Amino acid sequence: MSARALRLGTRKSPMAMAQSGRVASLVTKRTGASVELVGLTTFGDVTRADLAQIGGTGVFVSALRESLLAGGVDFAVHSLKDLPVGPVHEIALAAVPPREDPRDALVARDGAKLADLPHGARIGTGSPRRAAQLLLLRPDVRPVSVRGNAGTRLGKVESGELDAVLLAYAGLARIGRLDVVTQVFEPDEMVPAPGQGALAVECLDRDPGLVDLLACVDNPASRAAVTAERSLLAALQAGCSAPVGAYAAGTEMLQLRAVVAGADGGSAIRASASAPVGEAGRLGGEVAAELLRRGAGRYLAMSLEDLSSGEDTQ
């Protein structure tokens, strides 16, 4: 390895910089290697288009991967839920650091919980998954498509434009804004997005020294859990814009629960199963097959025109 600082590619949003900074600190602490952050702008950061219409999967990832392949950075950190599920030629998933809280959080004015909000309350979210499950809990509220980073979304509540917003709890923790959370949804209430709360560390697979170095921040339990969740997503042939929730947890045995919800929140199909952690990929495929057997395909094919895409809270 060179004595120069390793260049870590990251999106420029406050949340992305914060989470990448934590990975950089952890790498330095465990290996002694110096790391510098390189902020990059992705297509998902600059477009105002509805991501569901332009292929939401990967729009926050491609610029970082392009910089990796071009030699502009040595490794990159992504929100793992933003990664397309298929393998990428020449790029290795070197590490999945310890996963943070995967749950979804409500931020509403005056400390309100979901049950306290008035009929027809306007609740902002950029996620079809969140919007669909929100309507399962409160069919009378109105999900409103929003874009922008967490600060922008919180501002819409503070200004009164929205009654509340739904965001990832882990994302709010990373930017130090847990003080605004008014309700946290348990996974059996609102099933998280596959990979939510986890990070992905990528580098070129042709640099085995760097792959080995970055493995110091890998957490096997977190990797197994997200492998099950992403295997389910792959088997469903669904991307991050689909109304799919999946959450796996466990040490020796993984339990995976999943939901595919109708975009209108009228109904949902659920399935769950368990398997040893070494069979995480098989577990995801098994639960996906059960969801499809129960008719989830009709929801995956359903138009999402009324809902924005992407789980981006950065």
Protein backbone atom coordinates (compact mmCIF):
# COMPACT_ATOMS: atom_id res chain seq x y z
CA MET A 1 0.00 0.00 0.00
CA SER A 2 1.16 3.53 -0.74
CA ALA A 3 1.96 5.92 2.08
CA ARG A 4 -0.35 8.53 0.54
CA ALA A 5 -3.82 9.05 1.98
CA LEU A 6 -6.52 6.78 0.64
CA ARG A 7 -9.16 8.73 -1.29
CA LEU A 8 -12.72 7.89 -0.18
CA GLY A 9 -15.42 8.86 -2.68
CA THR A 10 -18.70 10.06 -1.22
CA ARG A 11 -21.74 12.09 -2.10
CA LYS A 12 -21.54 15.68 -0.89
CA SER A 13 -24.73 15.78 1.18
CA PRO A 14 -24.29 16.33 4.93
CA MET A 15 -25.56 12.84 5.69
CA ALA A 16 -23.32 11.15 3.14
CA MET A 17 -20.28 13.09 4.34
CA ALA A 18 -21.06 12.19 7.95
CA GLN A 19 -21.41 8.47 7.28
CA SER A 20 -18.32 8.39 5.06
CA GLY A 21 -16.37 10.26 7.73
CA ARG A 22 -17.26 7.57 10.24
CA VAL A 23 -16.02 4.84 7.92
CA ALA A 24 -12.82 6.80 7.27
CA SER A 25 -12.20 7.15 11.01
CA LEU A 26 -12.83 3.46 11.56
CA VAL A 27 -10.43 2.46 8.78
CA THR A 28 -7.75 4.75 10.22
CA LYS A 29 -8.30 3.49 13.77
CA ARG A 30 -8.05 -0.17 12.77
CA THR A 31 -5.27 0.01 10.16
CA GLY A 32 -3.41 3.28 10.68
CA ALA A 33 -4.07 4.25 7.06
CA SER A 34 -4.80 7.92 6.41
CA VAL A 35 -8.07 8.61 4.57
CA GLU A 36 -9.31 11.78 2.88
CA LEU A 37 -12.87 12.38 1.68
CA VAL A 38 -13.52 13.25 -1.97
CA GLY A 39 -16.99 14.72 -2.49
CA LEU A 40 -18.71 13.80 -5.75
CA THR A 41 -22.02 14.84 -7.30
CA THR A 42 -24.29 12.05 -8.56
CA PHE A 43 -27.13 12.23 -11.07
CA GLY A 44 -29.59 11.61 -8.25
CA ASP A 45 -28.31 14.72 -6.49
CA VAL A 46 -28.88 17.10 -9.39
CA THR A 47 -32.00 15.82 -11.15
CA ARG A 48 -35.39 17.05 -10.03
CA ALA A 49 -37.14 14.33 -12.02
CA ASP A 50 -39.21 11.63 -10.37
CA LEU A 51 -36.65 8.88 -9.90
CA ALA A 52 -39.26 6.19 -10.55
CA GLN A 53 -39.53 7.47 -14.10
CA ILE A 54 -35.76 7.45 -14.79
CA GLY A 55 -34.80 4.22 -13.06
CA GLY A 56 -34.23 5.06 -9.40
CA THR A 57 -31.87 2.15 -8.74
CA GLY A 58 -28.27 3.30 -8.91
CA VAL A 59 -28.76 7.00 -9.61
CA PHE A 60 -26.91 7.86 -6.38
CA VAL A 61 -24.20 5.26 -7.03
CA SER A 62 -23.03 5.42 -10.64
CA ALA A 63 -20.83 8.54 -10.33
CA LEU A 64 -18.94 7.04 -7.39
CA ARG A 65 -18.40 3.79 -9.25
CA GLU A 66 -17.25 5.66 -12.36
CA SER A 67 -14.68 7.52 -10.28
CA LEU A 68 -13.49 4.22 -8.81
CA LEU A 69 -13.03 2.69 -12.26
CA ALA A 70 -11.26 5.83 -13.54
CA GLY A 71 -8.87 5.91 -10.59
CA GLY A 72 -10.22 9.16 -9.17
CA VAL A 73 -10.85 7.58 -5.77
CA ASP A 74 -9.56 4.44 -4.06
CA PHE A 75 -12.80 3.33 -2.44
CA ALA A 76 -16.36 4.57 -2.02
CA VAL A 77 -19.06 4.51 0.63
CA HIS A 78 -22.74 4.23 -0.27
CA SER A 79 -26.00 3.83 1.60
CA LEU A 80 -26.34 0.13 0.92
CA LYS A 81 -30.04 0.40 0.09
CA ASP A 82 -29.10 2.56 -2.91
CA LEU A 83 -26.97 -0.18 -4.52
CA PRO A 84 -28.36 -2.13 -7.48
CA VAL A 85 -28.55 -5.79 -6.47
CA GLY A 86 -26.50 -7.24 -9.32
CA PRO A 87 -22.70 -7.69 -9.23
CA VAL A 88 -20.57 -5.08 -10.99
CA HIS A 89 -17.58 -6.03 -13.13
CA GLU A 90 -14.27 -5.02 -11.49
CA ILE A 91 -15.88 -3.69 -8.30
CA ALA A 92 -15.87 -5.57 -4.99
CA LEU A 93 -18.16 -5.09 -2.01
CA ALA A 94 -15.21 -4.97 0.36
CA ALA A 95 -17.12 -4.33 3.58
CA VAL A 96 -20.49 -3.88 5.21
CA PRO A 97 -19.77 -2.01 8.47
CA PRO A 98 -21.91 -2.65 11.56
CA ARG A 99 -25.49 -1.81 10.65
CA GLU A 100 -27.19 1.07 12.40
CA ASP A 101 -30.86 1.26 13.40
CA PRO A 102 -32.87 0.18 10.32
CA ARG A 103 -36.23 1.61 11.38
CA ASP A 104 -38.30 4.38 9.85
CA ALA A 105 -39.10 7.53 11.79
CA LEU A 106 -41.87 10.11 11.74
CA VAL A 107 -41.11 13.78 12.22
CA ALA A 108 -44.23 15.82 12.90
CA ARG A 109 -44.96 19.24 14.37
CA ASP A 110 -45.73 19.62 18.06
CA GLY A 111 -44.47 16.15 18.93
CA ALA A 112 -47.37 14.43 17.15
CA LYS A 113 -47.42 10.70 16.55
CA LEU A 114 -49.11 9.19 13.50
CA ALA A 115 -52.33 8.58 15.43
CA ASP A 116 -52.43 12.26 16.47
CA LEU A 117 -52.34 13.70 12.96
CA PRO A 118 -55.60 15.05 11.52
CA HIS A 119 -57.64 13.39 8.79
CA GLY A 120 -56.01 14.10 5.44
CA ALA A 121 -52.67 15.04 6.96
CA ARG A 122 -49.96 15.64 4.35
CA ILE A 123 -46.96 13.40 5.04
CA GLY A 124 -43.86 13.75 2.88
CA THR A 125 -41.82 10.80 1.69
CA GLY A 126 -39.65 10.00 -1.30
CA SER A 127 -40.32 6.27 -0.96
CA PRO A 128 -43.15 4.18 -2.46
CA ARG A 129 -42.43 1.58 0.24
CA ARG A 130 -42.97 4.06 3.04
CA ALA A 131 -45.99 5.63 1.37
CA ALA A 132 -47.71 2.28 0.81
CA GLN A 133 -47.10 1.06 4.36
CA LEU A 134 -48.12 4.44 5.75
CA LEU A 135 -51.49 4.03 4.07
CA LEU A 136 -51.85 0.57 5.60
CA LEU A 137 -51.54 2.23 9.02
CA ARG A 138 -53.58 5.36 8.25
CA PRO A 139 -55.63 5.10 5.03
CA ASP A 140 -56.97 8.62 5.53
CA VAL A 141 -53.65 10.49 5.33
CA ARG A 142 -52.09 11.81 2.13
CA PRO A 143 -48.53 10.80 1.19
CA VAL A 144 -46.83 13.66 -0.64
CA SER A 145 -43.84 13.09 -2.93
CA VAL A 146 -40.76 15.01 -1.76
CA ARG A 147 -37.15 15.22 -2.91
CA GLY A 148 -34.08 16.74 -1.34
CA ASN A 149 -31.84 16.01 1.60
CA ALA A 150 -33.04 15.49 5.15
CA GLY A 151 -32.64 19.17 6.04
CA THR A 152 -34.82 20.22 3.12
CA ARG A 153 -37.51 17.75 4.11
CA LEU A 154 -37.46 18.75 7.76
CA GLY A 155 -37.83 22.36 6.65
CA LYS A 156 -41.11 21.53 4.94
CA VAL A 157 -42.52 20.44 8.31
CA GLU A 158 -41.13 23.46 10.13
CA SER A 159 -42.65 25.80 7.54
CA GLY A 160 -46.06 24.14 7.70
CA GLU A 161 -45.95 22.96 4.07
CA LEU A 162 -46.27 19.40 5.37
CA ASP A 163 -47.75 17.97 8.54
CA ALA A 164 -44.97 15.41 8.85
CA VAL A 165 -42.24 13.55 6.96
CA LEU A 166 -41.01 9.96 7.05
CA LEU A 167 -37.25 9.44 7.12
CA ALA A 168 -34.73 6.76 8.04
CA TYR A 169 -33.91 6.83 11.75
CA ALA A 170 -30.27 6.01 11.02
CA GLY A 171 -29.98 8.94 8.65
CA LEU A 172 -31.29 11.38 11.23
CA ALA A 173 -28.87 9.90 13.78
CA ARG A 174 -25.94 10.48 11.40
CA ILE A 175 -26.70 14.19 11.12
CA GLY A 176 -27.48 14.60 14.81
CA ARG A 177 -31.21 15.29 14.44
CA LEU A 178 -32.83 12.59 16.55
CA ASP A 179 -34.30 15.41 18.61
CA VAL A 180 -36.97 15.98 15.95
CA VAL A 181 -38.22 12.37 15.82
CA THR A 182 -41.77 12.05 17.14
CA GLN A 183 -42.36 8.33 16.47
CA VAL A 184 -40.22 5.34 15.51
CA PHE A 185 -41.89 2.46 13.67
CA GLU A 186 -40.92 -1.07 14.65
CA PRO A 187 -40.14 -3.44 11.77
CA ASP A 188 -43.43 -5.29 12.25
CA GLU A 189 -45.30 -1.97 11.80
CA MET A 190 -43.32 -0.63 8.83
CA VAL A 191 -40.87 -3.10 7.31
CA PRO A 192 -37.63 -1.27 6.41
CA ALA A 193 -36.11 -1.10 2.95
CA PRO A 194 -33.62 -3.86 2.10
CA GLY A 195 -30.27 -2.67 3.43
CA GLN A 196 -31.66 0.31 5.32
CA GLY A 197 -29.32 1.50 8.06
CA ALA A 198 -26.34 -0.28 6.48
CA LEU A 199 -23.42 1.08 4.48
CA ALA A 200 -21.53 -0.44 1.57
CA VAL A 201 -17.78 0.00 1.08
CA GLU A 202 -16.65 -0.67 -2.50
CA CYS A 203 -13.24 -0.78 -4.17
CA LEU A 204 -11.68 -2.32 -7.27
CA ASP A 205 -11.42 -6.10 -7.08
CA ARG A 206 -8.03 -5.96 -8.81
CA ASP A 207 -6.49 -4.38 -5.71
CA PRO A 208 -6.41 -7.31 -3.27
CA GLY A 209 -4.33 -5.35 -0.78
CA LEU A 210 -7.01 -2.71 -0.46
CA VAL A 211 -9.79 -5.33 -0.37
CA ASP A 212 -8.02 -6.98 2.55
CA LEU A 213 -7.41 -3.66 4.30
CA LEU A 214 -11.05 -2.58 4.04
CA ALA A 215 -12.21 -5.94 5.37
CA CYS A 216 -11.20 -4.60 8.78
CA VAL A 217 -14.50 -2.68 8.95
CA ASP A 218 -16.69 -5.56 7.72
CA ASN A 219 -19.32 -6.94 10.09
CA PRO A 220 -20.30 -10.52 9.18
CA ALA A 221 -23.71 -10.36 10.89
CA SER A 222 -24.64 -7.16 9.06
CA ARG A 223 -23.40 -8.58 5.75
CA ALA A 224 -25.45 -11.75 6.20
CA ALA A 225 -28.61 -9.79 7.02
CA VAL A 226 -28.36 -7.48 4.03
CA THR A 227 -27.42 -10.41 1.78
CA ALA A 228 -30.75 -12.06 2.64
CA GLU A 229 -32.66 -8.84 2.06
CA ARG A 230 -30.97 -8.04 -1.24
CA SER A 231 -31.29 -11.62 -2.47
CA LEU A 232 -35.02 -11.27 -1.95
CA LEU A 233 -35.04 -8.03 -3.92
CA ALA A 234 -33.07 -9.66 -6.73
CA ALA A 235 -35.38 -12.67 -6.84
CA LEU A 236 -38.39 -10.36 -7.07
CA GLN A 237 -36.60 -8.46 -9.86
CA ALA A 238 -37.50 -5.29 -7.98
CA GLY A 239 -35.44 -2.15 -7.49
CA CYS A 240 -35.27 0.49 -4.78
CA SER A 241 -38.35 2.18 -6.26
CA ALA A 242 -40.60 -0.83 -5.60
CA PRO A 243 -42.92 -0.93 -2.56
CA VAL A 244 -40.90 -3.78 -1.01
CA GLY A 245 -39.81 -4.02 2.61
CA ALA A 246 -37.40 -6.67 3.87
CA TYR A 247 -35.62 -7.01 7.19
CA ALA A 248 -33.38 -9.83 8.44
CA ALA A 249 -31.89 -10.18 11.91
CA GLY A 250 -30.19 -12.83 13.96
CA THR A 251 -26.77 -14.20 14.87
CA GLU A 252 -26.58 -17.94 14.16
CA MET A 253 -30.06 -18.05 12.64
CA LEU A 254 -31.45 -15.30 10.42
CA GLN A 255 -35.14 -14.48 10.41
CA LEU A 256 -36.25 -12.61 7.31
CA ARG A 257 -39.61 -10.86 7.11
CA ALA A 258 -40.81 -9.13 3.98
CA VAL A 259 -43.78 -7.25 2.58
CA VAL A 260 -44.89 -6.17 -0.86
CA ALA A 261 -47.58 -3.52 -0.58
CA GLY A 262 -50.04 -2.15 -3.07
CA ALA A 263 -49.05 1.38 -4.06
CA ASP A 264 -52.46 2.64 -2.90
CA GLY A 265 -51.98 1.07 0.53
CA GLY A 266 -55.12 -1.00 0.13
CA SER A 267 -53.50 -4.33 0.87
CA ALA A 268 -50.17 -6.08 1.27
CA ILE A 269 -48.64 -9.52 0.97
CA ARG A 270 -46.28 -10.70 3.70
CA ALA A 271 -43.97 -13.68 4.17
CA SER A 272 -41.19 -14.73 6.52
CA ALA A 273 -38.76 -17.60 7.07
CA SER A 274 -35.57 -18.50 8.94
CA ALA A 275 -32.25 -20.09 7.94
CA PRO A 276 -28.66 -20.32 9.18
CA VAL A 277 -26.61 -17.19 8.51
CA GLY A 278 -24.50 -19.11 6.00
CA GLU A 279 -27.61 -19.59 3.85
CA ALA A 280 -28.62 -15.93 3.68
CA GLY A 281 -28.83 -15.88 -0.10
CA ARG A 282 -31.03 -18.96 -0.21
CA LEU A 283 -33.26 -17.50 2.50
CA GLY A 284 -33.92 -14.37 0.47
CA GLY A 285 -34.85 -16.40 -2.59
CA GLU A 286 -37.12 -18.64 -0.55
CA VAL A 287 -39.10 -15.74 0.93
CA ALA A 288 -39.32 -14.04 -2.45
CA ALA A 289 -40.73 -17.21 -3.99
CA GLU A 290 -43.37 -17.35 -1.26
CA LEU A 291 -44.33 -13.71 -1.86
CA LEU A 292 -44.72 -14.39 -5.57
CA ARG A 293 -46.71 -17.54 -4.87
CA ARG A 294 -49.11 -15.41 -2.81
CA GLY A 295 -49.56 -12.94 -5.67
CA ALA A 296 -47.01 -10.21 -4.99
CA GLY A 297 -46.22 -9.95 -8.68
CA ARG A 298 -49.32 -7.86 -9.29
CA TYR A 299 -48.08 -5.19 -6.89
CA LEU A 300 -44.59 -5.18 -8.37
CA ALA A 301 -46.09 -4.55 -11.79
CA MET A 302 -48.41 -1.84 -10.51
CA SER A 303 -47.83 1.70 -11.73
CA LEU A 304 -46.12 3.99 -9.21
CA GLU A 305 -47.07 7.21 -10.99
CA ASP A 306 -48.50 8.75 -7.83
CA LEU A 307 -45.46 8.00 -5.72
CA SER A 308 -41.89 9.20 -5.93
CA SER A 309 -39.01 6.75 -5.90
CA GLY A 310 -35.87 6.04 -3.95
CA GLU A 311 -35.14 5.73 -0.29
CA ASP A 312 -32.89 8.76 -0.35
CA THR A 313 -32.81 10.73 2.89
CA GLN A 314 -29.45 12.28 2.23
